[in-house]
Amino acid sequence: MSVLPELRHAVVSDLEAMAEAERRCFPDPWSFRLLSDLLSSSYDSVFVLVAEDTLLGYVNVRVLGDEAELMRIAVLPKARGQHLGLLLLRAGLREMCARGAEAATLEVRAGNTAAIQLYEKHGFLLAGRRKNYYEKPVEDALIYWNRTLSVWKEEVTDA
């Protein structure tokens, strides 16, 4: 990637590219309608990473009061290995903190070691396991919590 990606709020014109990212990144992709609903939800925030008019990935966080959930991080396969997941996670954490969240949760496939390492480096601790939660393929979901978002606020805020 020769151009630094731009991080910005998702807009309606991003939906087709987000739906394509879903199909390329997940065996159980979210529908176009669900993605569209996220953009109009007062609870959800969606950010995209774009370079040269091409969507590279996106993050969706949901904030309800003082708790938040990292709903989704998607990085296109061709863009992986460039720390874009880190950029998206930090954008999500910044948004959670800005909206007053003090704790955050997420679920991740037990076999997604790269994501697990990233989450653990950012203060998420394993809190539980949902046996055979995912269907395509069958795999456990690991439940993580970060109950100290305020500690990470300065870490994830741009200088």
N, C-alpha and C. Protein backbone atom coordinates (compact mmCIF):
# COMPACT_ATOMS: atom_id res chain seq x y z
N MET A 1 0.85 -1.17 0.00
CA MET A 1 0.00 0.00 0.00
C MET A 1 0.90 1.23 0.00
N SER A 2 0.79 2.05 -1.02
CA SER A 2 1.67 3.21 -1.16
C SER A 2 1.07 4.47 -0.55
N VAL A 3 -0.22 4.52 -0.41
CA VAL A 3 -0.91 5.69 0.13
C VAL A 3 -1.40 5.36 1.53
N LEU A 4 -1.18 6.29 2.47
CA LEU A 4 -1.70 6.07 3.82
C LEU A 4 -3.22 6.05 3.79
N PRO A 5 -3.82 5.09 4.46
CA PRO A 5 -5.28 5.02 4.45
C PRO A 5 -5.90 6.15 5.26
N GLU A 6 -7.08 6.56 4.83
CA GLU A 6 -7.86 7.57 5.53
C GLU A 6 -8.87 6.86 6.41
N LEU A 7 -8.94 7.26 7.67
CA LEU A 7 -9.93 6.74 8.60
C LEU A 7 -11.03 7.77 8.72
N ARG A 8 -12.27 7.36 8.48
CA ARG A 8 -13.40 8.29 8.56
C ARG A 8 -14.67 7.54 8.91
N HIS A 9 -15.68 8.30 9.31
CA HIS A 9 -17.00 7.71 9.56
C HIS A 9 -17.53 7.12 8.25
N ALA A 10 -18.17 5.97 8.35
CA ALA A 10 -18.79 5.35 7.18
C ALA A 10 -20.01 6.17 6.76
N VAL A 11 -20.24 6.18 5.45
CA VAL A 11 -21.41 6.85 4.87
C VAL A 11 -22.13 5.86 3.97
N VAL A 12 -23.32 6.22 3.55
CA VAL A 12 -24.16 5.32 2.75
C VAL A 12 -23.42 4.81 1.52
N SER A 13 -22.62 5.66 0.89
CA SER A 13 -21.91 5.23 -0.32
C SER A 13 -20.85 4.17 -0.04
N ASP A 14 -20.54 3.90 1.22
CA ASP A 14 -19.58 2.85 1.59
C ASP A 14 -20.24 1.48 1.70
N LEU A 15 -21.56 1.42 1.71
CA LEU A 15 -22.26 0.18 2.02
C LEU A 15 -21.93 -0.97 1.07
N GLU A 16 -21.87 -0.73 -0.22
CA GLU A 16 -21.56 -1.81 -1.17
C GLU A 16 -20.18 -2.40 -0.86
N ALA A 17 -19.20 -1.54 -0.63
CA ALA A 17 -17.84 -2.01 -0.33
C ALA A 17 -17.80 -2.72 1.02
N MET A 18 -18.57 -2.26 1.98
CA MET A 18 -18.63 -2.94 3.27
C MET A 18 -19.26 -4.32 3.12
N ALA A 19 -20.31 -4.42 2.32
CA ALA A 19 -20.95 -5.72 2.09
C ALA A 19 -19.98 -6.67 1.40
N GLU A 20 -19.20 -6.16 0.47
CA GLU A 20 -18.19 -6.99 -0.20
C GLU A 20 -17.12 -7.43 0.80
N ALA A 21 -16.71 -6.53 1.69
CA ALA A 21 -15.74 -6.88 2.73
C ALA A 21 -16.30 -7.99 3.62
N GLU A 22 -17.57 -7.90 3.96
CA GLU A 22 -18.21 -8.95 4.75
C GLU A 22 -18.07 -10.30 4.06
N ARG A 23 -18.37 -10.34 2.77
CA ARG A 23 -18.32 -11.60 2.02
C ARG A 23 -16.89 -12.15 1.95
N ARG A 24 -15.92 -11.27 1.88
CA ARG A 24 -14.53 -11.72 1.77
C ARG A 24 -13.89 -12.07 3.11
N CYS A 25 -14.41 -11.49 4.17
CA CYS A 25 -13.77 -11.65 5.48
C CYS A 25 -14.43 -12.69 6.39
N PHE A 26 -15.71 -12.95 6.19
CA PHE A 26 -16.43 -13.78 7.15
C PHE A 26 -17.22 -14.88 6.46
N PRO A 27 -17.22 -16.08 7.05
CA PRO A 27 -18.05 -17.16 6.48
C PRO A 27 -19.54 -16.93 6.73
N ASP A 28 -19.86 -16.03 7.64
CA ASP A 28 -21.25 -15.71 7.98
C ASP A 28 -21.46 -14.20 7.85
N PRO A 29 -21.38 -13.67 6.63
CA PRO A 29 -21.40 -12.22 6.44
C PRO A 29 -22.72 -11.58 6.87
N TRP A 30 -22.58 -10.36 7.39
CA TRP A 30 -23.75 -9.57 7.72
C TRP A 30 -24.42 -9.12 6.42
N SER A 31 -25.72 -8.95 6.46
CA SER A 31 -26.48 -8.55 5.28
C SER A 31 -26.30 -7.05 4.99
N PHE A 32 -26.58 -6.69 3.76
CA PHE A 32 -26.55 -5.28 3.36
C PHE A 32 -27.50 -4.48 4.25
N ARG A 33 -28.66 -5.02 4.51
CA ARG A 33 -29.66 -4.32 5.34
C ARG A 33 -29.13 -4.07 6.75
N LEU A 34 -28.51 -5.09 7.35
CA LEU A 34 -27.96 -4.91 8.69
C LEU A 34 -26.89 -3.82 8.67
N LEU A 35 -26.01 -3.86 7.69
CA LEU A 35 -24.97 -2.83 7.58
C LEU A 35 -25.60 -1.45 7.43
N SER A 36 -26.63 -1.36 6.62
CA SER A 36 -27.33 -0.09 6.41
C SER A 36 -27.95 0.40 7.72
N ASP A 37 -28.54 -0.51 8.47
CA ASP A 37 -29.16 -0.15 9.75
C ASP A 37 -28.13 0.41 10.74
N LEU A 38 -26.90 -0.09 10.68
CA LEU A 38 -25.85 0.39 11.58
C LEU A 38 -25.60 1.89 11.40
N LEU A 39 -25.66 2.33 10.15
CA LEU A 39 -25.36 3.73 9.86
C LEU A 39 -26.42 4.68 10.41
N SER A 40 -27.62 4.19 10.65
CA SER A 40 -28.68 5.05 11.17
C SER A 40 -28.95 4.82 12.66
N SER A 41 -28.24 3.90 13.26
CA SER A 41 -28.43 3.58 14.67
C SER A 41 -27.74 4.61 15.56
N SER A 42 -28.43 5.08 16.58
CA SER A 42 -27.81 6.02 17.51
C SER A 42 -26.83 5.33 18.46
N TYR A 43 -26.89 4.01 18.52
CA TYR A 43 -26.00 3.26 19.40
C TYR A 43 -24.69 2.87 18.71
N ASP A 44 -24.73 2.76 17.39
CA ASP A 44 -23.59 2.25 16.64
C ASP A 44 -22.77 3.37 16.01
N SER A 45 -21.46 3.12 15.94
CA SER A 45 -20.55 3.97 15.18
C SER A 45 -19.76 3.06 14.26
N VAL A 46 -19.61 3.47 13.02
CA VAL A 46 -18.88 2.69 12.03
C VAL A 46 -17.84 3.58 11.39
N PHE A 47 -16.60 3.10 11.38
CA PHE A 47 -15.50 3.80 10.73
C PHE A 47 -14.94 2.91 9.63
N VAL A 48 -14.51 3.54 8.54
CA VAL A 48 -13.89 2.82 7.44
C VAL A 48 -12.47 3.31 7.24
N LEU A 49 -11.63 2.41 6.73
CA LEU A 49 -10.28 2.76 6.28
C LEU A 49 -10.31 2.67 4.76
N VAL A 50 -9.94 3.77 4.11
CA VAL A 50 -10.00 3.85 2.65
C VAL A 50 -8.67 4.37 2.13
N ALA A 51 -8.16 3.75 1.07
CA ALA A 51 -6.97 4.24 0.37
C ALA A 51 -7.25 4.19 -1.12
N GLU A 52 -6.96 5.28 -1.80
CA GLU A 52 -7.16 5.37 -3.24
C GLU A 52 -8.57 4.91 -3.63
N ASP A 53 -9.56 5.42 -2.91
CA ASP A 53 -10.98 5.11 -3.16
C ASP A 53 -11.34 3.64 -2.99
N THR A 54 -10.50 2.88 -2.29
CA THR A 54 -10.76 1.47 -2.05
C THR A 54 -10.90 1.22 -0.55
N LEU A 55 -12.00 0.60 -0.16
CA LEU A 55 -12.20 0.26 1.24
C LEU A 55 -11.26 -0.88 1.61
N LEU A 56 -10.50 -0.69 2.67
CA LEU A 56 -9.57 -1.71 3.16
C LEU A 56 -10.12 -2.45 4.37
N GLY A 57 -11.01 -1.79 5.10
CA GLY A 57 -11.58 -2.42 6.29
C GLY A 57 -12.52 -1.47 7.00
N TYR A 58 -13.17 -1.99 8.03
CA TYR A 58 -14.06 -1.16 8.83
C TYR A 58 -14.19 -1.73 10.23
N VAL A 59 -14.67 -0.88 11.14
CA VAL A 59 -14.93 -1.28 12.51
C VAL A 59 -16.31 -0.75 12.91
N ASN A 60 -17.03 -1.55 13.68
CA ASN A 60 -18.34 -1.17 14.21
C ASN A 60 -18.30 -1.34 15.72
N VAL A 61 -18.61 -0.27 16.45
CA VAL A 61 -18.75 -0.35 17.90
C VAL A 61 -20.14 0.11 18.28
N ARG A 62 -20.64 -0.47 19.37
CA ARG A 62 -21.96 -0.12 19.89
C ARG A 62 -21.78 0.33 21.34
N VAL A 63 -22.33 1.49 21.67
CA VAL A 63 -22.22 2.02 23.03
C VAL A 63 -23.62 2.18 23.61
N LEU A 64 -23.81 1.55 24.77
CA LEU A 64 -25.07 1.64 25.51
C LEU A 64 -24.73 2.08 26.93
N GLY A 65 -24.94 3.34 27.21
CA GLY A 65 -24.60 3.86 28.53
C GLY A 65 -23.11 3.82 28.76
N ASP A 66 -22.70 3.19 29.86
CA ASP A 66 -21.27 3.14 30.17
C ASP A 66 -20.60 1.85 29.70
N GLU A 67 -21.32 1.05 28.90
CA GLU A 67 -20.73 -0.17 28.35
C GLU A 67 -20.77 -0.13 26.83
N ALA A 68 -19.77 -0.78 26.24
CA ALA A 68 -19.66 -0.80 24.79
C ALA A 68 -19.37 -2.22 24.33
N GLU A 69 -19.62 -2.45 23.05
CA GLU A 69 -19.28 -3.74 22.45
C GLU A 69 -18.59 -3.49 21.12
N LEU A 70 -17.46 -4.15 20.94
CA LEU A 70 -16.80 -4.16 19.65
C LEU A 70 -17.54 -5.20 18.82
N MET A 71 -18.36 -4.73 17.90
CA MET A 71 -19.25 -5.62 17.15
C MET A 71 -18.53 -6.32 16.00
N ARG A 72 -17.63 -5.59 15.33
CA ARG A 72 -17.01 -6.15 14.13
C ARG A 72 -15.78 -5.36 13.76
N ILE A 73 -14.73 -6.08 13.39
CA ILE A 73 -13.58 -5.51 12.68
C ILE A 73 -13.39 -6.37 11.45
N ALA A 74 -13.33 -5.72 10.30
CA ALA A 74 -13.09 -6.43 9.05
C ALA A 74 -11.93 -5.76 8.33
N VAL A 75 -10.94 -6.56 7.94
CA VAL A 75 -9.83 -6.09 7.11
C VAL A 75 -9.77 -7.02 5.91
N LEU A 76 -9.84 -6.45 4.72
CA LEU A 76 -9.80 -7.27 3.51
C LEU A 76 -8.54 -8.12 3.48
N PRO A 77 -8.64 -9.35 3.01
CA PRO A 77 -7.47 -10.24 2.98
C PRO A 77 -6.24 -9.62 2.31
N LYS A 78 -6.43 -8.88 1.23
CA LYS A 78 -5.30 -8.29 0.51
C LYS A 78 -4.62 -7.18 1.31
N ALA A 79 -5.28 -6.67 2.34
CA ALA A 79 -4.75 -5.56 3.13
C ALA A 79 -4.23 -6.01 4.50
N ARG A 80 -4.25 -7.29 4.77
CA ARG A 80 -3.81 -7.78 6.08
C ARG A 80 -2.29 -7.72 6.20
N GLY A 81 -1.83 -7.74 7.44
CA GLY A 81 -0.40 -7.71 7.71
C GLY A 81 0.19 -6.31 7.68
N GLN A 82 -0.66 -5.29 7.68
CA GLN A 82 -0.20 -3.90 7.62
C GLN A 82 -0.65 -3.10 8.84
N HIS A 83 -1.06 -3.79 9.88
CA HIS A 83 -1.50 -3.17 11.14
C HIS A 83 -2.79 -2.37 11.00
N LEU A 84 -3.58 -2.68 9.98
CA LEU A 84 -4.84 -1.96 9.80
C LEU A 84 -5.86 -2.36 10.87
N GLY A 85 -5.81 -3.60 11.31
CA GLY A 85 -6.67 -4.03 12.41
C GLY A 85 -6.40 -3.21 13.67
N LEU A 86 -5.13 -2.91 13.91
CA LEU A 86 -4.74 -2.08 15.04
C LEU A 86 -5.34 -0.68 14.90
N LEU A 87 -5.23 -0.09 13.72
CA LEU A 87 -5.81 1.24 13.49
C LEU A 87 -7.32 1.24 13.73
N LEU A 88 -7.97 0.20 13.24
CA LEU A 88 -9.42 0.11 13.41
C LEU A 88 -9.81 -0.11 14.87
N LEU A 89 -9.08 -0.99 15.57
CA LEU A 89 -9.37 -1.22 16.98
C LEU A 89 -9.21 0.07 17.77
N ARG A 90 -8.13 0.79 17.53
CA ARG A 90 -7.90 2.04 18.26
C ARG A 90 -8.98 3.08 17.95
N ALA A 91 -9.43 3.11 16.71
CA ALA A 91 -10.53 4.03 16.37
C ALA A 91 -11.78 3.65 17.16
N GLY A 92 -12.04 2.36 17.24
CA GLY A 92 -13.20 1.90 18.01
C GLY A 92 -13.08 2.23 19.48
N LEU A 93 -11.90 2.01 20.05
CA LEU A 93 -11.68 2.31 21.47
C LEU A 93 -11.81 3.81 21.74
N ARG A 94 -11.27 4.63 20.83
CA ARG A 94 -11.41 6.09 20.98
C ARG A 94 -12.88 6.49 21.01
N GLU A 95 -13.65 5.91 20.09
CA GLU A 95 -15.08 6.23 20.02
C GLU A 95 -15.80 5.79 21.30
N MET A 96 -15.48 4.60 21.79
CA MET A 96 -16.09 4.13 23.03
C MET A 96 -15.82 5.11 24.16
N CYS A 97 -14.57 5.51 24.30
CA CYS A 97 -14.19 6.44 25.37
C CYS A 97 -14.87 7.79 25.19
N ALA A 98 -14.90 8.29 23.96
CA ALA A 98 -15.52 9.59 23.68
C ALA A 98 -17.01 9.59 24.01
N ARG A 99 -17.64 8.44 23.88
CA ARG A 99 -19.08 8.34 24.15
C ARG A 99 -19.38 7.91 25.58
N GLY A 100 -18.35 7.87 26.43
CA GLY A 100 -18.57 7.65 27.85
C GLY A 100 -18.53 6.21 28.34
N ALA A 101 -18.12 5.29 27.49
CA ALA A 101 -18.04 3.90 27.93
C ALA A 101 -16.89 3.72 28.91
N GLU A 102 -17.14 2.93 29.93
CA GLU A 102 -16.11 2.60 30.92
C GLU A 102 -15.66 1.16 30.81
N ALA A 103 -16.44 0.34 30.11
CA ALA A 103 -16.11 -1.07 29.93
C ALA A 103 -16.55 -1.47 28.52
N ALA A 104 -15.86 -2.48 27.99
CA ALA A 104 -16.19 -2.95 26.65
C ALA A 104 -16.05 -4.46 26.58
N THR A 105 -16.87 -5.07 25.75
CA THR A 105 -16.81 -6.50 25.53
C THR A 105 -16.68 -6.78 24.04
N LEU A 106 -16.31 -8.01 23.74
CA LEU A 106 -16.25 -8.47 22.35
C LEU A 106 -16.28 -9.98 22.37
N GLU A 107 -16.58 -10.56 21.22
CA GLU A 107 -16.45 -12.01 21.06
C GLU A 107 -15.59 -12.25 19.84
N VAL A 108 -14.83 -13.33 19.89
CA VAL A 108 -13.89 -13.64 18.82
C VAL A 108 -13.82 -15.15 18.67
N ARG A 109 -13.60 -15.59 17.44
CA ARG A 109 -13.42 -17.03 17.21
C ARG A 109 -12.19 -17.50 17.97
N ALA A 110 -12.30 -18.65 18.61
CA ALA A 110 -11.20 -19.19 19.42
C ALA A 110 -9.93 -19.39 18.60
N GLY A 111 -10.05 -19.62 17.31
CA GLY A 111 -8.89 -19.84 16.46
C GLY A 111 -8.29 -18.59 15.86
N ASN A 112 -8.84 -17.44 16.13
CA ASN A 112 -8.35 -16.19 15.54
C ASN A 112 -7.25 -15.61 16.43
N THR A 113 -6.10 -16.24 16.40
CA THR A 113 -5.01 -15.87 17.32
C THR A 113 -4.50 -14.46 17.10
N ALA A 114 -4.46 -13.98 15.86
CA ALA A 114 -3.97 -12.62 15.61
C ALA A 114 -4.88 -11.60 16.29
N ALA A 115 -6.18 -11.78 16.16
CA ALA A 115 -7.12 -10.85 16.80
C ALA A 115 -7.04 -10.96 18.32
N ILE A 116 -6.95 -12.17 18.83
CA ILE A 116 -6.87 -12.38 20.28
C ILE A 116 -5.65 -11.66 20.85
N GLN A 117 -4.51 -11.79 20.20
CA GLN A 117 -3.30 -11.11 20.67
C GLN A 117 -3.48 -9.60 20.67
N LEU A 118 -4.10 -9.07 19.63
CA LEU A 118 -4.34 -7.63 19.54
C LEU A 118 -5.26 -7.17 20.67
N TYR A 119 -6.32 -7.90 20.91
CA TYR A 119 -7.26 -7.51 21.97
C TYR A 119 -6.60 -7.58 23.34
N GLU A 120 -5.83 -8.64 23.59
CA GLU A 120 -5.17 -8.77 24.89
C GLU A 120 -4.15 -7.66 25.12
N LYS A 121 -3.47 -7.23 24.07
CA LYS A 121 -2.51 -6.12 24.20
C LYS A 121 -3.22 -4.81 24.53
N HIS A 122 -4.51 -4.74 24.30
CA HIS A 122 -5.28 -3.54 24.57
C HIS A 122 -6.21 -3.71 25.78
N GLY A 123 -5.81 -4.57 26.70
CA GLY A 123 -6.48 -4.66 27.98
C GLY A 123 -7.70 -5.56 28.07
N PHE A 124 -8.00 -6.29 27.01
CA PHE A 124 -9.14 -7.21 27.06
C PHE A 124 -8.71 -8.52 27.72
N LEU A 125 -9.53 -8.99 28.66
CA LEU A 125 -9.25 -10.21 29.40
C LEU A 125 -10.31 -11.25 29.10
N LEU A 126 -9.88 -12.49 28.97
CA LEU A 126 -10.81 -13.59 28.69
C LEU A 126 -11.78 -13.73 29.85
N ALA A 127 -13.08 -13.73 29.53
CA ALA A 127 -14.11 -13.82 30.56
C ALA A 127 -14.99 -15.05 30.40
N GLY A 128 -14.96 -15.68 29.25
CA GLY A 128 -15.82 -16.84 29.05
C GLY A 128 -15.69 -17.43 27.67
N ARG A 129 -16.41 -18.53 27.48
CA ARG A 129 -16.38 -19.26 26.21
C ARG A 129 -17.80 -19.72 25.90
N ARG A 130 -18.19 -19.54 24.65
CA ARG A 130 -19.47 -20.07 24.17
C ARG A 130 -19.14 -21.25 23.26
N LYS A 131 -19.44 -22.43 23.73
CA LYS A 131 -19.12 -23.66 23.02
C LYS A 131 -19.88 -23.74 21.70
N ASN A 132 -19.15 -24.05 20.63
CA ASN A 132 -19.75 -24.25 19.30
C ASN A 132 -20.65 -23.10 18.87
N TYR A 133 -20.29 -21.90 19.22
CA TYR A 133 -21.11 -20.72 18.94
C TYR A 133 -21.20 -20.43 17.44
N TYR A 134 -20.07 -20.50 16.78
CA TYR A 134 -20.04 -20.22 15.34
C TYR A 134 -20.37 -21.49 14.57
N GLU A 135 -21.01 -21.31 13.42
CA GLU A 135 -21.47 -22.46 12.65
C GLU A 135 -20.66 -22.74 11.39
N LYS A 136 -20.03 -21.75 10.80
CA LYS A 136 -19.35 -21.91 9.51
C LYS A 136 -17.90 -21.48 9.61
N PRO A 137 -16.98 -22.29 10.00
CA PRO A 137 -17.13 -23.64 10.55
C PRO A 137 -17.50 -23.58 12.03
N VAL A 138 -17.87 -24.74 12.57
CA VAL A 138 -18.21 -24.82 14.00
C VAL A 138 -16.96 -24.49 14.81
N GLU A 139 -17.12 -23.54 15.71
CA GLU A 139 -15.99 -23.09 16.53
C GLU A 139 -16.52 -22.36 17.75
N ASP A 140 -15.75 -22.43 18.83
CA ASP A 140 -16.13 -21.71 20.05
C ASP A 140 -15.92 -20.21 19.87
N ALA A 141 -16.71 -19.44 20.61
CA ALA A 141 -16.51 -18.00 20.71
C ALA A 141 -15.88 -17.73 22.07
N LEU A 142 -14.87 -16.89 22.09
CA LEU A 142 -14.27 -16.44 23.34
C LEU A 142 -14.84 -15.06 23.64
N ILE A 143 -15.22 -14.87 24.89
CA ILE A 143 -15.79 -13.60 25.33
C ILE A 143 -14.71 -12.85 26.11
N TYR A 144 -14.45 -11.64 25.70
CA TYR A 144 -13.44 -10.79 26.34
C TYR A 144 -14.11 -9.54 26.89
N TRP A 145 -13.55 -9.04 28.00
CA TRP A 145 -13.98 -7.78 28.59
C TRP A 145 -12.77 -6.91 28.88
N ASN A 146 -12.95 -5.63 28.70
CA ASN A 146 -12.00 -4.63 29.18
C ASN A 146 -12.82 -3.72 30.09
N ARG A 147 -12.60 -3.85 31.39
CA ARG A 147 -13.38 -3.07 32.35
C ARG A 147 -12.64 -1.81 32.80
N THR A 148 -11.55 -1.50 32.12
CA THR A 148 -10.74 -0.33 32.47
C THR A 148 -10.46 0.52 31.24
N LEU A 149 -11.49 0.83 30.48
CA LEU A 149 -11.29 1.63 29.26
C LEU A 149 -10.59 2.95 29.55
N SER A 150 -10.87 3.55 30.70
CA SER A 150 -10.26 4.84 31.01
C SER A 150 -8.74 4.76 31.03
N VAL A 151 -8.19 3.62 31.41
CA VAL A 151 -6.74 3.43 31.42
C VAL A 151 -6.18 3.53 30.00
N TRP A 152 -6.98 3.09 29.03
CA TRP A 152 -6.53 3.06 27.63
C TRP A 152 -6.85 4.33 26.88
N LYS A 153 -7.59 5.24 27.52
CA LYS A 153 -8.04 6.44 26.81
C LYS A 153 -6.87 7.23 26.22
N GLU A 154 -5.85 7.50 27.01
CA GLU A 154 -4.70 8.25 26.50
C GLU A 154 -3.89 7.42 25.52
N GLU A 155 -3.82 6.13 25.74
CA GLU A 155 -3.06 5.24 24.86
C GLU A 155 -3.60 5.26 23.43
N VAL A 156 -4.90 5.33 23.29
CA VAL A 156 -5.51 5.24 21.96
C VAL A 156 -5.88 6.60 21.38
N THR A 157 -5.65 7.67 22.13
CA THR A 157 -5.94 9.00 21.62
C THR A 157 -4.75 9.49 20.83
N ASP A 158 -5.02 10.00 19.65
CA ASP A 158 -3.94 10.53 18.80
C ASP A 158 -3.27 11.70 19.48
N ALA A 159 -1.95 11.73 19.38
CA ALA A 159 -1.19 12.83 19.99
C ALA A 159 -1.28 14.08 19.12
